[in-house]
Amino acid sequence: MSILSIQSSVAVGHVGNSAAMFPMQRLGFEVWAVPSMLFSNHPGYDSHGGAPVPIETMRAMVDGIDKLDHFDHCNAVLSGYLGTVEAGQFVVETVKRVKNSNKETVYFCDPVVGDMTRQLYVENAAAEYVRDELLPLADIIAPNIFELEYLTGRKQETLDDTLFAADMLRSRGPKTVLVTSVKGRKGSTPTVSNVVVSDKGAWRVTVPQCPLRAKGTGDVFAALFLAHLLRGERTRSALELATSTIFGIIDDTVRHDSDELRLIDAQAEYLHPSFYFDAVRVG
């Protein structure tokens, strides 16, 4: 099974394709990684270097894959951080090319335009392109809670708000909406939930919130959820497995006081999560 993944890439650390590739490979997938940005490290550090990848280079890479007749057995296209309108246009072009060869190919769009801490961290035009062009093309979209507010224009304060907003997105094209980073509390314990909404219903998995410095959890989680779906898991089970796995990786990362997710050291989590969290039906 093969996945075409179009995201940023870093030389040091684990975000974008540098976070998504290994988990998907460990779960049995060939990953064709096309970088939208090349950086030395995550821009959240005090310094970083790099630049956007020219669209001509990205297109040449995809053309090369196409000439190998690989589109016929491409199970999914995954897009993450793109950064520019031009990169978004390239993703639309590529998804249409792949689906023209294989109508069963799934397009999974991880918006990656902002979060509650930093708000929008791409230019307005790039965020609007994701909202107006990538969203309707997606089979699955995975906004965090900030991105859900941005994409729908609706404030998120309750679970009902989240479910209503997810259905708004589904009415625009995606069959499945996966909402991440829903903050809450269980007694005195801060929690975070992931919620999935599809034609089969709505499910939520809640875990304790951990004091994590490392970036890239959303990139890893999206990759895990997609991989488990393609491996034949039901939506509910894919949510449980992806959430349980990323929690195990986060727990390992926090215990080792690491600035980067320990994706390699904690690789046993991909096949045998140390924790297992059950999904609760919420709709």
C-alpha atoms as a PDB file:
ATOM      1  CA  MET A   1       0.000   0.000   0.000  1.00  0.00           C
ATOM      2  CA  SER A   2       1.255   3.469  -0.876  1.00  0.00           C
ATOM      3  CA  ILE A   3       0.647   7.028   0.312  1.00  0.00           C
ATOM      4  CA  LEU A   4       1.703  10.242  -1.449  1.00  0.00           C
ATOM      5  CA  SER A   5       2.499  12.760   1.308  1.00  0.00           C
ATOM      6  CA  ILE A   6       2.926  16.455   0.487  1.00  0.00           C
ATOM      7  CA  GLN A   7       4.146  18.420   3.507  1.00  0.00           C
ATOM      8  CA  SER A   8       7.060  20.387   4.883  1.00  0.00           C
ATOM      9  CA  SER A   9      10.235  18.544   5.827  1.00  0.00           C
ATOM     10  CA  VAL A  10      13.007  19.236   8.352  1.00  0.00           C
ATOM     11  CA  ALA A  11      16.564  17.934   8.592  1.00  0.00           C
ATOM     12  CA  VAL A  12      16.509  17.812  12.396  1.00  0.00           C
ATOM     13  CA  GLY A  13      13.467  16.789  14.418  1.00  0.00           C
ATOM     14  CA  HIS A  14      10.007  15.532  13.588  1.00  0.00           C
ATOM     15  CA  VAL A  15       7.366  17.741  11.985  1.00  0.00           C
ATOM     16  CA  GLY A  16       5.588  17.539   8.632  1.00  0.00           C
ATOM     17  CA  ASN A  17       6.794  14.680   6.464  1.00  0.00           C
ATOM     18  CA  SER A  18       9.663  14.184   8.897  1.00  0.00           C
ATOM     19  CA  ALA A  19       7.013  13.261  11.474  1.00  0.00           C
ATOM     20  CA  ALA A  20       4.485  11.454   9.294  1.00  0.00           C
ATOM     21  CA  MET A  21       6.689   9.174   7.198  1.00  0.00           C
ATOM     22  CA  PHE A  22       8.120   6.759   9.742  1.00  0.00           C
ATOM     23  CA  PRO A  23       4.831   5.954  11.536  1.00  0.00           C
ATOM     24  CA  MET A  24       3.184   5.148   8.199  1.00  0.00           C
ATOM     25  CA  GLN A  25       6.169   3.095   7.073  1.00  0.00           C
ATOM     26  CA  ARG A  26       6.209   1.231  10.388  1.00  0.00           C
ATOM     27  CA  LEU A  27       2.545   0.354   9.791  1.00  0.00           C
ATOM     28  CA  GLY A  28       3.385  -1.154   6.417  1.00  0.00           C
ATOM     29  CA  PHE A  29       3.079   1.645   3.853  1.00  0.00           C
ATOM     30  CA  GLU A  30       5.340   2.867   1.099  1.00  0.00           C
ATOM     31  CA  VAL A  31       5.445   6.652   1.512  1.00  0.00           C
ATOM     32  CA  TRP A  32       6.219   8.903  -1.449  1.00  0.00           C
ATOM     33  CA  ALA A  33       7.278  12.120   0.269  1.00  0.00           C
ATOM     34  CA  VAL A  34       7.129  15.376  -1.692  1.00  0.00           C
ATOM     35  CA  PRO A  35       8.353  18.353   0.379  1.00  0.00           C
ATOM     36  CA  SER A  36       6.538  21.698   0.252  1.00  0.00           C
ATOM     37  CA  MET A  37       9.147  23.390   2.475  1.00  0.00           C
ATOM     38  CA  LEU A  38      12.695  22.386   3.430  1.00  0.00           C
ATOM     39  CA  PHE A  39      13.938  23.624   6.807  1.00  0.00           C
ATOM     40  CA  SER A  40      16.853  22.776   9.058  1.00  0.00           C
ATOM     41  CA  ASN A  41      14.449  22.386  11.979  1.00  0.00           C
ATOM     42  CA  HIS A  42      11.019  23.433  13.224  1.00  0.00           C
ATOM     43  CA  PRO A  43      10.563  27.238  13.026  1.00  0.00           C
ATOM     44  CA  GLY A  44       9.529  27.200  16.700  1.00  0.00           C
ATOM     45  CA  TYR A  45      13.204  27.061  17.675  1.00  0.00           C
ATOM     46  CA  ASP A  46      15.230  30.260  18.193  1.00  0.00           C
ATOM     47  CA  SER A  47      16.699  29.885  14.723  1.00  0.00           C
ATOM     48  CA  HIS A  48      16.095  27.915  11.561  1.00  0.00           C
ATOM     49  CA  GLY A  49      17.111  27.965   7.913  1.00  0.00           C
ATOM     50  CA  GLY A  50      15.556  26.821   4.676  1.00  0.00           C
ATOM     51  CA  ALA A  51      13.032  27.836   2.065  1.00  0.00           C
ATOM     52  CA  PRO A  52       9.901  26.798   0.185  1.00  0.00           C
ATOM     53  CA  VAL A  53      10.443  24.146  -2.473  1.00  0.00           C
ATOM     54  CA  PRO A  54       9.847  25.547  -5.985  1.00  0.00           C
ATOM     55  CA  ILE A  55       6.574  24.327  -7.450  1.00  0.00           C
ATOM     56  CA  GLU A  56       8.465  23.200 -10.551  1.00  0.00           C
ATOM     57  CA  THR A  57      10.529  20.848  -8.378  1.00  0.00           C
ATOM     58  CA  MET A  58       7.463  19.452  -6.624  1.00  0.00           C
ATOM     59  CA  ARG A  59       5.729  18.932  -9.963  1.00  0.00           C
ATOM     60  CA  ALA A  60       8.785  17.217 -11.432  1.00  0.00           C
ATOM     61  CA  MET A  61       8.793  14.789  -8.502  1.00  0.00           C
ATOM     62  CA  VAL A  62       5.115  13.960  -9.003  1.00  0.00           C
ATOM     63  CA  ASP A  63       5.633  13.662 -12.768  1.00  0.00           C
ATOM     64  CA  GLY A  64       8.389  11.138 -12.067  1.00  0.00           C
ATOM     65  CA  ILE A  65       6.101   9.086  -9.834  1.00  0.00           C
ATOM     66  CA  ASP A  66       3.401   9.190 -12.514  1.00  0.00           C
ATOM     67  CA  LYS A  67       5.825   7.971 -15.208  1.00  0.00           C
ATOM     68  CA  LEU A  68       6.456   4.900 -13.072  1.00  0.00           C
ATOM     69  CA  ASP A  69       2.695   4.184 -13.311  1.00  0.00           C
ATOM     70  CA  HIS A  70       2.461   4.345  -9.508  1.00  0.00           C
ATOM     71  CA  PHE A  71      -0.740   6.401  -9.363  1.00  0.00           C
ATOM     72  CA  ASP A  72      -2.757   3.269 -10.125  1.00  0.00           C
ATOM     73  CA  HIS A  73      -1.872   1.850  -6.700  1.00  0.00           C
ATOM     74  CA  CYS A  74      -1.816   5.052  -4.659  1.00  0.00           C
ATOM     75  CA  ASN A  75      -4.113   4.426  -1.698  1.00  0.00           C
ATOM     76  CA  ALA A  76      -4.106   7.997  -0.394  1.00  0.00           C
ATOM     77  CA  VAL A  77      -2.813  11.525  -0.849  1.00  0.00           C
ATOM     78  CA  LEU A  78      -1.992  13.244   2.449  1.00  0.00           C
ATOM     79  CA  SER A  79      -1.352  16.989   2.581  1.00  0.00           C
ATOM     80  CA  GLY A  80      -0.137  18.951   5.595  1.00  0.00           C
ATOM     81  CA  TYR A  81       1.715  22.246   5.969  1.00  0.00           C
ATOM     82  CA  LEU A  82       1.928  23.953   2.581  1.00  0.00           C
ATOM     83  CA  GLY A  83       2.541  27.604   3.420  1.00  0.00           C
ATOM     84  CA  THR A  84       1.592  29.236   0.117  1.00  0.00           C
ATOM     85  CA  VAL A  85      -1.355  29.486  -2.248  1.00  0.00           C
ATOM     86  CA  GLU A  86       0.834  28.083  -5.028  1.00  0.00           C
ATOM     87  CA  ALA A  87       1.553  24.950  -2.994  1.00  0.00           C
ATOM     88  CA  GLY A  88      -2.182  24.578  -2.334  1.00  0.00           C
ATOM     89  CA  GLN A  89      -2.887  24.852  -6.063  1.00  0.00           C
ATOM     90  CA  PHE A  90      -0.282  22.169  -6.674  1.00  0.00           C
ATOM     91  CA  VAL A  91      -2.042  19.846  -4.202  1.00  0.00           C
ATOM     92  CA  VAL A  92      -5.395  20.350  -5.957  1.00  0.00           C
ATOM     93  CA  GLU A  93      -3.754  19.592  -9.302  1.00  0.00           C
ATOM     94  CA  THR A  94      -2.042  16.497  -7.903  1.00  0.00           C
ATOM     95  CA  VAL A  95      -5.092  15.073  -6.145  1.00  0.00           C
ATOM     96  CA  LYS A  96      -7.098  15.376  -9.362  1.00  0.00           C
ATOM     97  CA  ARG A  97      -4.321  13.666 -11.325  1.00  0.00           C
ATOM     98  CA  VAL A  98      -4.102  10.770  -8.913  1.00  0.00           C
ATOM     99  CA  LYS A  99      -7.866  10.320  -8.630  1.00  0.00           C
ATOM    100  CA  ASN A 100      -8.108  10.330 -12.423  1.00  0.00           C
ATOM    101  CA  SER A 101      -5.897   7.225 -12.399  1.00  0.00           C
ATOM    102  CA  ASN A 102      -7.429   5.621  -9.308  1.00  0.00           C
ATOM    103  CA  LYS A 103     -10.902   6.688  -8.213  1.00  0.00           C
ATOM    104  CA  GLU A 104     -10.461   4.779  -4.935  1.00  0.00           C
ATOM    105  CA  THR A 105      -7.606   7.039  -3.773  1.00  0.00           C
ATOM    106  CA  VAL A 106      -8.461   8.878  -0.546  1.00  0.00           C
ATOM    107  CA  TYR A 107      -7.504  12.524  -0.120  1.00  0.00           C
ATOM    108  CA  PHE A 108      -6.718  13.360   3.525  1.00  0.00           C
ATOM    109  CA  CYS A 109      -6.315  17.092   4.181  1.00  0.00           C
ATOM    110  CA  ASP A 110      -4.631  18.214   7.402  1.00  0.00           C
ATOM    111  CA  PRO A 111      -5.192  22.009   7.166  1.00  0.00           C
ATOM    112  CA  VAL A 112      -2.171  23.141   9.260  1.00  0.00           C
ATOM    113  CA  VAL A 113      -2.931  26.873   9.135  1.00  0.00           C
ATOM    114  CA  GLY A 114      -2.910  27.782  12.841  1.00  0.00           C
ATOM    115  CA  ASP A 115      -3.557  26.876  16.447  1.00  0.00           C
ATOM    116  CA  MET A 116      -4.932  28.399  19.642  1.00  0.00           C
ATOM    117  CA  THR A 117      -1.488  29.507  20.804  1.00  0.00           C
ATOM    118  CA  ARG A 118      -0.234  31.238  17.671  1.00  0.00           C
ATOM    119  CA  GLN A 119      -3.527  31.780  15.787  1.00  0.00           C
ATOM    120  CA  LEU A 120      -3.019  31.866  11.989  1.00  0.00           C
ATOM    121  CA  TYR A 121       0.613  31.161  11.142  1.00  0.00           C
ATOM    122  CA  VAL A 122       0.263  31.267   7.355  1.00  0.00           C
ATOM    123  CA  GLU A 123      -0.710  34.236   5.208  1.00  0.00           C
ATOM    124  CA  ASN A 124      -4.451  34.904   4.955  1.00  0.00           C
ATOM    125  CA  ALA A 125      -4.519  34.010   1.258  1.00  0.00           C
ATOM    126  CA  ALA A 126      -2.988  30.582   1.935  1.00  0.00           C
ATOM    127  CA  ALA A 127      -5.442  29.845   4.757  1.00  0.00           C
ATOM    128  CA  GLU A 128      -8.363  30.962   2.608  1.00  0.00           C
ATOM    129  CA  TYR A 129      -7.221  28.663  -0.193  1.00  0.00           C
ATOM    130  CA  VAL A 130      -7.239  25.697   2.166  1.00  0.00           C
ATOM    131  CA  ARG A 131     -10.744  26.650   3.310  1.00  0.00           C
ATOM    132  CA  ASP A 132     -12.200  27.348  -0.123  1.00  0.00           C
ATOM    133  CA  GLU A 133     -10.408  24.872  -2.398  1.00  0.00           C
ATOM    134  CA  LEU A 134      -8.771  22.016  -0.475  1.00  0.00           C
ATOM    135  CA  LEU A 135     -11.650  21.451   1.952  1.00  0.00           C
ATOM    136  CA  PRO A 136     -14.292  20.669  -0.718  1.00  0.00           C
ATOM    137  CA  LEU A 137     -11.877  18.268  -2.442  1.00  0.00           C
ATOM    138  CA  ALA A 138     -11.036  16.284   0.707  1.00  0.00           C
ATOM    139  CA  ASP A 139     -12.477  12.902   1.661  1.00  0.00           C
ATOM    140  CA  ILE A 140     -11.148  13.363   5.208  1.00  0.00           C
ATOM    141  CA  ILE A 141     -10.175  16.637   6.876  1.00  0.00           C
ATOM    142  CA  ALA A 142      -8.444  16.916  10.246  1.00  0.00           C
ATOM    143  CA  PRO A 143      -8.612  20.422  11.746  1.00  0.00           C
ATOM    144  CA  ASN A 144      -7.507  21.210  15.273  1.00  0.00           C
ATOM    145  CA  ILE A 145     -10.050  23.154  17.330  1.00  0.00           C
ATOM    146  CA  PHE A 146      -8.678  26.538  16.191  1.00  0.00           C
ATOM    147  CA  GLU A 147      -8.774  25.468  12.550  1.00  0.00           C
ATOM    148  CA  LEU A 148     -12.332  24.211  13.007  1.00  0.00           C
ATOM    149  CA  GLU A 149     -13.319  27.705  14.180  1.00  0.00           C
ATOM    150  CA  TYR A 150     -11.501  29.265  11.241  1.00  0.00           C
ATOM    151  CA  LEU A 151     -12.977  26.941   8.623  1.00  0.00           C
ATOM    152  CA  THR A 152     -16.554  27.328   9.855  1.00  0.00           C
ATOM    153  CA  GLY A 153     -16.543  30.815  11.399  1.00  0.00           C
ATOM    154  CA  ARG A 154     -18.138  29.352  14.532  1.00  0.00           C
ATOM    155  CA  LYS A 155     -16.807  29.737  18.086  1.00  0.00           C
ATOM    156  CA  GLN A 156     -16.040  26.401  19.756  1.00  0.00           C
ATOM    157  CA  GLU A 157     -17.082  26.230  23.410  1.00  0.00           C
ATOM    158  CA  THR A 158     -18.981  22.948  23.808  1.00  0.00           C
ATOM    159  CA  LEU A 159     -19.038  19.465  22.323  1.00  0.00           C
ATOM    160  CA  ASP A 160     -22.304  20.335  20.580  1.00  0.00           C
ATOM    161  CA  ASP A 161     -20.496  23.252  18.912  1.00  0.00           C
ATOM    162  CA  THR A 162     -17.831  20.850  17.675  1.00  0.00           C
ATOM    163  CA  LEU A 163     -20.313  18.311  16.318  1.00  0.00           C
ATOM    164  CA  PHE A 164     -22.352  21.030  14.577  1.00  0.00           C
ATOM    165  CA  ALA A 165     -19.227  22.555  13.022  1.00  0.00           C
ATOM    166  CA  ALA A 166     -18.009  19.130  11.886  1.00  0.00           C
ATOM    167  CA  ASP A 167     -21.312  18.550  10.110  1.00  0.00           C
ATOM    168  CA  MET A 168     -20.964  21.983   8.484  1.00  0.00           C
ATOM    169  CA  LEU A 169     -17.652  20.850   7.025  1.00  0.00           C
ATOM    170  CA  ARG A 170     -19.103  17.508   5.939  1.00  0.00           C
ATOM    171  CA  SER A 171     -21.838  19.344   4.045  1.00  0.00           C
ATOM    172  CA  ARG A 172     -19.071  20.968   1.973  1.00  0.00           C
ATOM    173  CA  GLY A 173     -17.471  17.740   0.772  1.00  0.00           C
ATOM    174  CA  PRO A 174     -15.452  15.661   3.265  1.00  0.00           C
ATOM    175  CA  LYS A 175     -17.119  12.418   4.326  1.00  0.00           C
ATOM    176  CA  THR A 176     -15.156  12.315   7.571  1.00  0.00           C
ATOM    177  CA  VAL A 177     -14.070  15.143   9.894  1.00  0.00           C
ATOM    178  CA  LEU A 178     -11.420  14.454  12.531  1.00  0.00           C
ATOM    179  CA  VAL A 179     -11.154  17.217  15.151  1.00  0.00           C
ATOM    180  CA  THR A 180      -8.046  17.294  17.335  1.00  0.00           C
ATOM    181  CA  SER A 181      -6.847  19.217  20.396  1.00  0.00           C
ATOM    182  CA  VAL A 182     -10.232  19.669  22.068  1.00  0.00           C
ATOM    183  CA  LYS A 183      -9.252  20.861  25.557  1.00  0.00           C
ATOM    184  CA  GLY A 184     -11.307  19.985  28.643  1.00  0.00           C
ATOM    185  CA  ARG A 185     -11.120  18.800  32.257  1.00  0.00           C
ATOM    186  CA  LYS A 186     -12.000  15.662  34.164  1.00  0.00           C
ATOM    187  CA  GLY A 187     -12.243  16.784  37.745  1.00  0.00           C
ATOM    188  CA  SER A 188      -8.994  18.655  38.390  1.00  0.00           C
ATOM    189  CA  THR A 189      -7.137  16.937  35.526  1.00  0.00           C
ATOM    190  CA  PRO A 190      -6.709  18.804  32.221  1.00  0.00           C
ATOM    191  CA  THR A 191      -7.675  16.621  29.260  1.00  0.00           C
ATOM    192  CA  VAL A 192      -7.490  16.678  25.502  1.00  0.00           C
ATOM    193  CA  SER A 193      -9.915  14.912  23.171  1.00  0.00           C
ATOM    194  CA  ASN A 194      -9.989  13.845  19.542  1.00  0.00           C
ATOM    195  CA  VAL A 195     -13.409  13.640  17.901  1.00  0.00           C
ATOM    196  CA  VAL A 196     -14.342  11.962  14.632  1.00  0.00           C
ATOM    197  CA  VAL A 197     -17.613  12.546  12.795  1.00  0.00           C
ATOM    198  CA  SER A 198     -18.766  10.529   9.779  1.00  0.00           C
ATOM    199  CA  ASP A 199     -21.910   8.984   8.306  1.00  0.00           C
ATOM    200  CA  LYS A 200     -21.470   6.163  10.850  1.00  0.00           C
ATOM    201  CA  GLY A 201     -21.791   8.549  13.819  1.00  0.00           C
ATOM    202  CA  ALA A 202     -19.545  10.596  16.094  1.00  0.00           C
ATOM    203  CA  TRP A 203     -16.938   9.315  18.559  1.00  0.00           C
ATOM    204  CA  ARG A 204     -14.619  10.923  21.085  1.00  0.00           C
ATOM    205  CA  VAL A 205     -11.449   9.677  22.781  1.00  0.00           C
ATOM    206  CA  THR A 206     -10.189  11.655  25.792  1.00  0.00           C
ATOM    207  CA  VAL A 207      -6.739  11.422  27.373  1.00  0.00           C
ATOM    208  CA  PRO A 208      -4.888  13.317  30.130  1.00  0.00           C
ATOM    209  CA  GLN A 209      -3.082  16.419  28.921  1.00  0.00           C
ATOM    210  CA  CYS A 210       0.729  16.161  29.149  1.00  0.00           C
ATOM    211  CA  PRO A 211       3.313  18.963  29.576  1.00  0.00           C
ATOM    212  CA  LEU A 212       4.871  18.521  26.138  1.00  0.00           C
ATOM    213  CA  ARG A 213       7.426  20.836  24.482  1.00  0.00           C
ATOM    214  CA  ALA A 214       7.908  18.846  21.288  1.00  0.00           C
ATOM    215  CA  LYS A 215       6.071  19.772  18.085  1.00  0.00           C
ATOM    216  CA  GLY A 216       4.587  17.532  15.409  1.00  0.00           C
ATOM    217  CA  THR A 217       1.937  15.610  17.351  1.00  0.00           C
ATOM    218  CA  GLY A 218      -0.776  16.638  14.903  1.00  0.00           C
ATOM    219  CA  ASP A 219       1.296  15.478  11.920  1.00  0.00           C
ATOM    220  CA  VAL A 220       1.920  12.097  13.557  1.00  0.00           C
ATOM    221  CA  PHE A 221      -1.696  11.690  14.639  1.00  0.00           C
ATOM    222  CA  ALA A 222      -3.049  12.400  11.146  1.00  0.00           C
ATOM    223  CA  ALA A 223      -0.619   9.858   9.676  1.00  0.00           C
ATOM    224  CA  LEU A 224      -1.593   7.218  12.235  1.00  0.00           C
ATOM    225  CA  PHE A 225      -5.340   7.717  11.744  1.00  0.00           C
ATOM    226  CA  LEU A 226      -5.033   7.516   7.956  1.00  0.00           C
ATOM    227  CA  ALA A 227      -2.806   4.440   8.106  1.00  0.00           C
ATOM    228  CA  HIS A 228      -5.175   2.558  10.401  1.00  0.00           C
ATOM    229  CA  LEU A 229      -8.154   3.394   8.193  1.00  0.00           C
ATOM    230  CA  LEU A 230      -6.306   2.119   5.128  1.00  0.00           C
ATOM    231  CA  ARG A 231      -5.345  -1.035   7.030  1.00  0.00           C
ATOM    232  CA  GLY A 232      -9.058  -1.783   7.299  1.00  0.00           C
ATOM    233  CA  GLU A 233      -9.952  -0.456  10.755  1.00  0.00           C
ATOM    234  CA  ARG A 234     -13.353   1.082  11.314  1.00  0.00           C
ATOM    235  CA  THR A 235     -13.426   4.815  11.991  1.00  0.00           C
ATOM    236  CA  ARG A 236     -13.920   4.276  15.728  1.00  0.00           C
ATOM    237  CA  SER A 237     -11.038   1.811  15.985  1.00  0.00           C
ATOM    238  CA  ALA A 238      -8.742   4.039  13.922  1.00  0.00           C
ATOM    239  CA  LEU A 239      -9.478   6.879  16.345  1.00  0.00           C
ATOM    240  CA  GLU A 240      -8.739   4.677  19.365  1.00  0.00           C
ATOM    241  CA  LEU A 241      -5.513   3.275  17.932  1.00  0.00           C
ATOM    242  CA  ALA A 242      -4.179   6.613  16.693  1.00  0.00           C
ATOM    243  CA  THR A 243      -4.974   8.375  19.982  1.00  0.00           C
ATOM    244  CA  SER A 244      -3.541   5.571  22.107  1.00  0.00           C
ATOM    245  CA  THR A 245      -0.363   5.428  20.024  1.00  0.00           C
ATOM    246  CA  ILE A 246       0.322   9.167  20.050  1.00  0.00           C
ATOM    247  CA  PHE A 247      -0.334   9.273  23.801  1.00  0.00           C
ATOM    248  CA  GLY A 248       2.258   6.540  24.318  1.00  0.00           C
ATOM    249  CA  ILE A 249       4.784   8.466  22.224  1.00  0.00           C
ATOM    250  CA  ILE A 250       4.036  11.689  24.124  1.00  0.00           C
ATOM    251  CA  ASP A 251       4.362   9.896  27.456  1.00  0.00           C
ATOM    252  CA  ASP A 252       7.750   8.499  26.420  1.00  0.00           C
ATOM    253  CA  THR A 253       8.867  11.927  25.151  1.00  0.00           C
ATOM    254  CA  VAL A 254       7.866  13.689  28.384  1.00  0.00           C
ATOM    255  CA  ARG A 255       9.500  11.042  30.593  1.00  0.00           C
ATOM    256  CA  HIS A 256      12.774  11.521  28.704  1.00  0.00           C
ATOM    257  CA  ASP A 257      12.461  15.342  28.814  1.00  0.00           C
ATOM    258  CA  SER A 258      12.988  15.511  25.049  1.00  0.00           C
ATOM    259  CA  ASP A 259      12.580  18.585  22.845  1.00  0.00           C
ATOM    260  CA  GLU A 260      11.553  16.326  19.946  1.00  0.00           C
ATOM    261  CA  LEU A 261       9.045  13.496  19.727  1.00  0.00           C
ATOM    262  CA  ARG A 262      10.797  10.154  20.281  1.00  0.00           C
ATOM    263  CA  LEU A 263       9.314   8.592  17.164  1.00  0.00           C
ATOM    264  CA  ILE A 264      12.188   6.173  16.656  1.00  0.00           C
ATOM    265  CA  ASP A 265      12.877   5.210  20.274  1.00  0.00           C
ATOM    266  CA  ALA A 266       9.170   4.675  20.982  1.00  0.00           C
ATOM    267  CA  GLN A 267       8.420   2.799  17.754  1.00  0.00           C
ATOM    268  CA  ALA A 268       6.987  -0.197  19.609  1.00  0.00           C
ATOM    269  CA  GLU A 269       3.961   2.034  20.253  1.00  0.00           C
ATOM    270  CA  TYR A 270       2.903   1.830  16.598  1.00  0.00           C
ATOM    271  CA  LEU A 271       2.021  -1.846  16.743  1.00  0.00           C
ATOM    272  CA  HIS A 272       1.527  -2.358  20.484  1.00  0.00           C
ATOM    273  CA  PRO A 273       0.408   0.824  22.296  1.00  0.00           C
ATOM    274  CA  SER A 274       1.331   0.941  25.988  1.00  0.00           C
ATOM    275  CA  PHE A 275      -2.020   2.584  26.744  1.00  0.00           C
ATOM    276  CA  TYR A 276      -5.424   1.970  25.212  1.00  0.00           C
ATOM    277  CA  PHE A 277      -8.213   4.529  25.354  1.00  0.00           C
ATOM    278  CA  ASP A 278     -11.750   3.573  24.367  1.00  0.00           C
ATOM    279  CA  ALA A 279     -13.908   5.808  22.214  1.00  0.00           C
ATOM    280  CA  VAL A 280     -17.253   7.036  23.536  1.00  0.00           C
ATOM    281  CA  ARG A 281     -20.118   7.578  21.138  1.00  0.00           C
ATOM    282  CA  VAL A 282     -21.227  11.230  21.167  1.00  0.00           C
ATOM    283  CA  GLY A 283     -23.512  11.408  18.176  1.00  0.00           C
END
